[in-house]
C-alpha atoms as a PDB file:
ATOM      1  CA  MET A   1     172.181 -17.547 -93.865  1.00  0.00           C
ATOM      2  CA  SER A   2     172.765 -21.275 -93.456  1.00  0.00           C
ATOM      3  CA  ASN A   3     171.886 -20.937 -89.769  1.00  0.00           C
ATOM      4  CA  ASN A   4     168.432 -19.665 -90.732  1.00  0.00           C
ATOM      5  CA  GLY A   5     167.976 -22.606 -93.139  1.00  0.00           C
ATOM      6  CA  SER A   6     168.828 -25.205 -90.490  1.00  0.00           C
ATOM      7  CA  PHE A   7     166.391 -23.573 -88.061  1.00  0.00           C
ATOM      8  CA  SER A   8     163.508 -23.780 -90.542  1.00  0.00           C
ATOM      9  CA  LEU A   9     164.447 -27.408 -91.276  1.00  0.00           C
ATOM     10  CA  LEU A  10     164.285 -28.113 -87.543  1.00  0.00           C
ATOM     11  CA  ILE A  11     160.863 -26.450 -87.271  1.00  0.00           C
ATOM     12  CA  PHE A  12     159.637 -28.587 -90.174  1.00  0.00           C
ATOM     13  CA  ALA A  13     161.225 -31.896 -89.088  1.00  0.00           C
ATOM     14  CA  LEU A  14     160.370 -31.830 -85.375  1.00  0.00           C
ATOM     15  CA  PRO A  15     156.566 -32.050 -85.807  1.00  0.00           C
ATOM     16  CA  LEU A  16     157.013 -34.796 -88.408  1.00  0.00           C
ATOM     17  CA  LEU A  17     159.182 -36.798 -85.999  1.00  0.00           C
ATOM     18  CA  LEU A  18     156.602 -36.307 -83.245  1.00  0.00           C
ATOM     19  CA  LEU A  19     153.774 -37.510 -85.498  1.00  0.00           C
ATOM     20  CA  GLY A  20     155.827 -40.522 -86.569  1.00  0.00           C
ATOM     21  CA  TRP A  21     156.526 -41.425 -82.938  1.00  0.00           C
ATOM     22  CA  LEU A  22     152.826 -41.075 -82.033  1.00  0.00           C
ATOM     23  CA  PHE A  23     151.749 -43.362 -84.893  1.00  0.00           C
ATOM     24  CA  TRP A  24     154.429 -45.908 -83.982  1.00  0.00           C
ATOM     25  CA  THR A  25     153.417 -46.080 -80.303  1.00  0.00           C
ATOM     26  CA  GLN A  26     149.711 -46.307 -81.198  1.00  0.00           C
ATOM     27  CA  ASN A  27     150.364 -49.199 -83.594  1.00  0.00           C
ATOM     28  CA  LYS A  28     152.449 -50.942 -80.939  1.00  0.00           C
ATOM     29  CA  ARG A  29     149.641 -50.557 -78.378  1.00  0.00           C
ATOM     30  CA  MET A  30     147.034 -51.840 -80.858  1.00  0.00           C
ATOM     31  CA  LYS A  31     149.186 -54.899 -81.630  1.00  0.00           C
ATOM     32  CA  GLN A  32     149.510 -55.673 -77.905  1.00  0.00           C
ATOM     33  CA  MET A  33     145.725 -55.419 -77.456  1.00  0.00           C
ATOM     34  CA  ARG A  34     145.104 -57.701 -80.457  1.00  0.00           C
ATOM     35  CA  ASN A  35     147.527 -60.274 -79.066  1.00  0.00           C
ATOM     36  CA  PHE A  36     145.924 -60.077 -75.609  1.00  0.00           C
ATOM     37  CA  SER A  37     142.408 -60.433 -77.041  1.00  0.00           C
ATOM     38  CA  SER A  38     143.374 -63.442 -79.140  1.00  0.00           C
ATOM     39  CA  ALA A  39     145.045 -65.115 -76.141  1.00  0.00           C
ATOM     40  CA  LEU A  40     141.860 -65.059 -74.024  1.00  0.00           C
ATOM     41  CA  ASN A  41     140.406 -68.468 -73.181  1.00  0.00           C
ATOM     42  CA  VAL A  42     137.215 -69.755 -71.591  1.00  0.00           C
ATOM     43  CA  GLY A  43     137.736 -69.987 -67.842  1.00  0.00           C
ATOM     44  CA  ASP A  44     140.132 -67.014 -67.596  1.00  0.00           C
ATOM     45  CA  GLN A  45     139.387 -64.622 -64.753  1.00  0.00           C
ATOM     46  CA  VAL A  46     139.417 -61.100 -66.164  1.00  0.00           C
ATOM     47  CA  ILE A  47     138.687 -57.458 -65.352  1.00  0.00           C
ATOM     48  CA  THR A  48     136.839 -55.218 -67.802  1.00  0.00           C
ATOM     49  CA  SER A  49     137.849 -51.648 -68.561  1.00  0.00           C
ATOM     50  CA  SER A  50     134.945 -50.485 -66.362  1.00  0.00           C
ATOM     51  CA  GLY A  51     136.189 -52.535 -63.398  1.00  0.00           C
ATOM     52  CA  ILE A  52     133.869 -55.548 -63.515  1.00  0.00           C
ATOM     53  CA  PHE A  53     135.493 -58.791 -62.338  1.00  0.00           C
ATOM     54  CA  GLY A  54     134.337 -62.006 -63.990  1.00  0.00           C
ATOM     55  CA  THR A  55     135.143 -65.396 -65.453  1.00  0.00           C
ATOM     56  CA  ILE A  56     134.910 -65.944 -69.204  1.00  0.00           C
ATOM     57  CA  LYS A  57     132.192 -68.490 -69.995  1.00  0.00           C
ATOM     58  CA  HIS A  58     131.990 -68.095 -73.788  1.00  0.00           C
ATOM     59  CA  LEU A  59     133.910 -66.193 -76.486  1.00  0.00           C
ATOM     60  CA  ASP A  60     133.144 -65.364 -80.085  1.00  0.00           C
ATOM     61  CA  ASP A  61     134.811 -63.007 -82.578  1.00  0.00           C
ATOM     62  CA  SER A  62     133.457 -59.745 -81.171  1.00  0.00           C
ATOM     63  CA  SER A  63     132.104 -60.419 -77.684  1.00  0.00           C
ATOM     64  CA  GLY A  64     132.521 -62.466 -74.566  1.00  0.00           C
ATOM     65  CA  TRP A  65     130.173 -63.710 -71.858  1.00  0.00           C
ATOM     66  CA  LEU A  66     131.418 -63.133 -68.320  1.00  0.00           C
ATOM     67  CA  GLU A  67     130.008 -64.780 -65.228  1.00  0.00           C
ATOM     68  CA  ILE A  68     130.176 -62.048 -62.582  1.00  0.00           C
ATOM     69  CA  ALA A  69     128.284 -63.957 -59.850  1.00  0.00           C
ATOM     70  CA  ASP A  70     126.759 -67.418 -59.502  1.00  0.00           C
ATOM     71  CA  GLY A  71     124.203 -67.657 -62.313  1.00  0.00           C
ATOM     72  CA  VAL A  72     124.727 -64.046 -63.494  1.00  0.00           C
ATOM     73  CA  THR A  73     126.272 -63.803 -66.955  1.00  0.00           C
ATOM     74  CA  ILE A  74     126.770 -60.583 -68.911  1.00  0.00           C
ATOM     75  CA  ARG A  75     127.804 -60.023 -72.503  1.00  0.00           C
ATOM     76  CA  VAL A  76     130.624 -57.537 -73.131  1.00  0.00           C
ATOM     77  CA  ASP A  77     132.552 -56.401 -76.154  1.00  0.00           C
ATOM     78  CA  ARG A  78     135.859 -58.233 -76.372  1.00  0.00           C
ATOM     79  CA  ARG A  79     137.708 -54.916 -76.485  1.00  0.00           C
ATOM     80  CA  ALA A  80     136.272 -54.052 -73.033  1.00  0.00           C
ATOM     81  CA  ILE A  81     138.237 -56.881 -71.396  1.00  0.00           C
ATOM     82  CA  ALA A  82     141.230 -54.975 -70.069  1.00  0.00           C
ATOM     83  CA  MET A  83     143.365 -57.541 -68.209  1.00  0.00           C
ATOM     84  CA  LYS A  84     143.486 -60.914 -66.556  1.00  0.00           C
ATOM     85  CA  GLN A  85     142.972 -60.925 -62.796  1.00  0.00           C
ATOM     86  CA  THR A  86     146.308 -62.666 -62.247  1.00  0.00           C
ATOM     87  CA  ASP A  87     148.047 -59.769 -64.045  1.00  0.00           C
ATOM     88  CA  ALA A  88     146.270 -57.221 -61.829  1.00  0.00           C
ATOM     89  CA  LEU A  89     147.130 -59.101 -58.637  1.00  0.00           C
ATOM     90  CA  ALA A  90     150.776 -59.418 -59.640  1.00  0.00           C
ATOM     91  CA  ALA A  91     150.982 -55.692 -60.348  1.00  0.00           C
ATOM     92  CA  GLY A  92     149.337 -54.865 -57.007  1.00  0.00           C
ATOM     93  CA  THR A  93     151.520 -57.118 -54.863  1.00  0.00           C
ATOM     94  CA  GLY A  94     154.738 -56.146 -56.581  1.00  0.00           C
ATOM     95  CA  ALA A  95     154.682 -52.563 -55.335  1.00  0.00           C
ATOM     96  CA  ALA A  96     152.606 -52.431 -52.155  1.00  0.00           C
ATOM     97  CA  GLY A  97     152.530 -55.986 -50.830  1.00  0.00           C
ATOM     98  CA  GLY A  98     156.268 -56.522 -50.828  1.00  0.00           C
ATOM     99  CA  ALA A  99     156.990 -53.359 -48.870  1.00  0.00           C
ATOM    100  CA  ALA A 100     154.477 -54.201 -46.129  1.00  0.00           C
ATOM    101  CA  GLY A 101     155.905 -57.664 -45.633  1.00  0.00           C
ATOM    102  CA  GLY A 102     152.649 -59.376 -46.608  1.00  0.00           C
ATOM    103  CA  ALA A 103     149.500 -57.325 -46.195  1.00  0.00           C
ATOM    104  CA  VAL A 104     147.156 -60.186 -45.371  1.00  0.00           C
ATOM    105  CA  GLY A 105     147.587 -62.290 -42.265  1.00  0.00           C
ATOM    106  CA  GLY A 106     147.068 -66.051 -42.125  1.00  0.00           C
ATOM    107  CA  SER A 107     143.785 -65.762 -40.207  1.00  0.00           C
ATOM    108  CA  GLY A 108     142.040 -63.969 -43.073  1.00  0.00           C
ATOM    109  CA  THR A 109     142.201 -60.573 -41.367  1.00  0.00           C
ATOM    110  CA  ALA A 110     143.986 -57.561 -42.706  1.00  0.00           C
ATOM    111  CA  THR A 111     147.092 -56.379 -40.900  1.00  0.00           C
ATOM    112  CA  SER A 112     147.739 -53.123 -42.755  1.00  0.00           C
ATOM    113  CA  GLY A 113     144.282 -51.738 -43.515  1.00  0.00           C
ATOM    114  CA  THR A 114     143.573 -53.892 -46.555  1.00  0.00           C
ATOM    115  CA  VAL A 115     140.720 -56.406 -46.764  1.00  0.00           C
ATOM    116  CA  ASP A 116     141.191 -60.047 -47.722  1.00  0.00           C
ATOM    117  CA  PRO A 117     138.604 -60.680 -50.491  1.00  0.00           C
ATOM    118  CA  THR A 118     138.087 -64.269 -49.324  1.00  0.00           C
ATOM    119  CA  SER A 119     137.188 -63.274 -45.762  1.00  0.00           C
ATOM    120  CA  ASP A 120     134.476 -60.747 -46.672  1.00  0.00           C
ATOM    121  CA  ALA A 121     132.621 -62.821 -49.270  1.00  0.00           C
ATOM    122  CA  GLY A 122     129.406 -62.536 -47.232  1.00  0.00           C
ATOM    123  CA  SER A 123     129.267 -58.752 -47.624  1.00  0.00           C
ATOM    124  CA  ASP A 124     128.449 -59.191 -51.312  1.00  0.00           C
ATOM    125  CA  HIS A 125     124.950 -60.196 -50.222  1.00  0.00           C
ATOM    126  CA  ASN A 126     124.411 -56.939 -48.288  1.00  0.00           C
ATOM    127  CA  PRO A 127     123.823 -54.132 -50.799  1.00  0.00           C
ATOM    128  CA  GLY A 128     125.096 -50.795 -49.607  1.00  0.00           C
ATOM    129  CA  SER A 129     127.509 -52.209 -47.059  1.00  0.00           C
ATOM    130  CA  THR A 130     131.226 -51.655 -47.055  1.00  0.00           C
ATOM    131  CA  PRO A 131     133.218 -54.833 -47.753  1.00  0.00           C
ATOM    132  CA  GLY A 132     134.465 -56.287 -44.505  1.00  0.00           C
ATOM    133  CA  SER A 133     131.863 -54.544 -42.359  1.00  0.00           C
ATOM    134  CA  SER A 134     128.534 -55.744 -41.008  1.00  0.00           C
ATOM    135  CA  GLN A 135     125.258 -53.883 -41.427  1.00  0.00           C
ATOM    136  CA  SER A 136     123.870 -52.211 -38.349  1.00  0.00           C
ATOM    137  CA  GLY A 137     120.250 -52.990 -39.279  1.00  0.00           C
ATOM    138  CA  GLN A 138     119.150 -49.346 -39.186  1.00  0.00           C
END
């Protein structure tokens, strides 16, 4: 009989432990996001949750103004700013860049199929073109 009682206790306690763990991890994640949002400064290069790269030009309590191109400024909700660009670059080079022995060569050309963002800056002025390629004019 006591075996049946411990089984029903387990069935009751397991979902409660799962819910407690879910609430704890959610609160931890929310605290990290609050700390990140409060640590943002004007001039930081950031990436939004939708993938827009920009530089913070102005911040207030609920929104931020990002310059995404020369003279083009957009207003976004502060919660939409997902990470700093330096954090994203560090995460990208830690896994892939180290194994390839340096993906970008010194001449500004890619050696392993990746494109150096500084060498294809002109392609931003050609809508519809692939970065690093030239338009055929057709």
